[in-house]
Structure formats: structure tokens, C-alpha cells
């Protein structure tokens, strides 16, 4: 995850092992494409990781990370930055998902024999904007072998990363992605993207919810 030609940026992803065999999938984007953004990205990633390991639910993790960033921005307003994040807890045993967003593009779900779709979840405010912001968690159960796709807005065709601009990703995932997730990642990262002065950071996280043995 880095700006092309600069090799620094504010995008990150993480996979956190939780209790009872659950796994948290995290993807985020700190504004900016410089050393300050990269430094904050590392700190934010560790903050979210720590709150997740403490056992908090997705909405509580986002609320705590938001308050942490609000306080950090208040201490140094000249270097204040905001961030977006998508946090998904997967229970492989039951194939249940718990999804929470903080201003981040929605996660995509690809059922094994169905059409790709956007996981419905309230967008929420970006982290660091309002200490009183509240976040909600959406629960859903997926089919065995379903694929989750989490990305940052650098993979979008337009500056706005709303659902309308996920069409290119949905088209690439339809009628169903290959079994090799490395090849699929290469295909997604080869999509045409919007042209900016330096290019935008891109982070991509793919995860398949395999059926139990």
C-alpha cells in the first residue's frame, strides 16, 4: 500500500486473530500521501489492532479509535488528519460477519454461485472528525466459500468511492472470481484507475470464508 513512485502512503490492512476462532479483517486509509500520513497510518493500525485484541466489538473498536484520533488531532491541530476504516469480524465456524464502517468504501461479498453485492452497512463518519460520533454494526451470515473484498478508494475509477463507483470491481468479480486469490488480486489491481498527480495509495484485502472441514 503506497503511492506509485513515492513508496509511502496512508493506506493499511490488517488481520487480527480473536478469541473463539474469530478473525478481524481491517482496512483503512489515512488522508495524505506523505511521511506524516504514513506515520499516523502505522499508529492507527496498531491502535485498532490493540482494541480488537482487547475483545471489543466492531462498533466499539471504531468508537475508541475515533476518540483516540480526535484527541491526537486536538493536541496538534497543525498536523490534524482524518482516516476511514472498515472493520469486519468473521466467525468461520458459523460464517457470521459483523461489519462496521467509519466513512470507508463498503465491503463487497461474492457468494459461490451468486452475483457480487455490496455489504449493506451504515457509512459512519471518518475517524478523527467528531469525538461524539456513533458507529453501528451490521450482522449477516454468508454461504460457504463466499469471498470478501475490502479495498481503499485508490482502486476506484472516480474520486468518490460510493456504491456507483464500485461497478468496475463488481464487473471483475462477476460471474465469480477464480479460486486463486493471488491472481484475482493481480486482476483487480490492474484495473484502470483515476489519474492523479502522484497516483493514489491502494490497499486490497481478499478473504474466503471456507466451509468447515
Foldseek 3Di string as FASTA:
>chain_A
DAFPPPRFFQKDWDWAQEPPRKIKTKIKHKPDHDPLNRVVSVVLVVQLNVVVRVPDDPQVSLLVSLLVLLVVCVVPVVSRIWMKMKMWMADLAQQKIKIKIAQFQFKWKQAAQDAIDTDDADHHHIRNPDSPTGIGIDMDHGDAFMKIKGKGCLLFADPDRYPVRCVVVSVLQPPHDDPDVVVSVVVSVPDDHHDDPRRHDMDMDMDTSHHDD
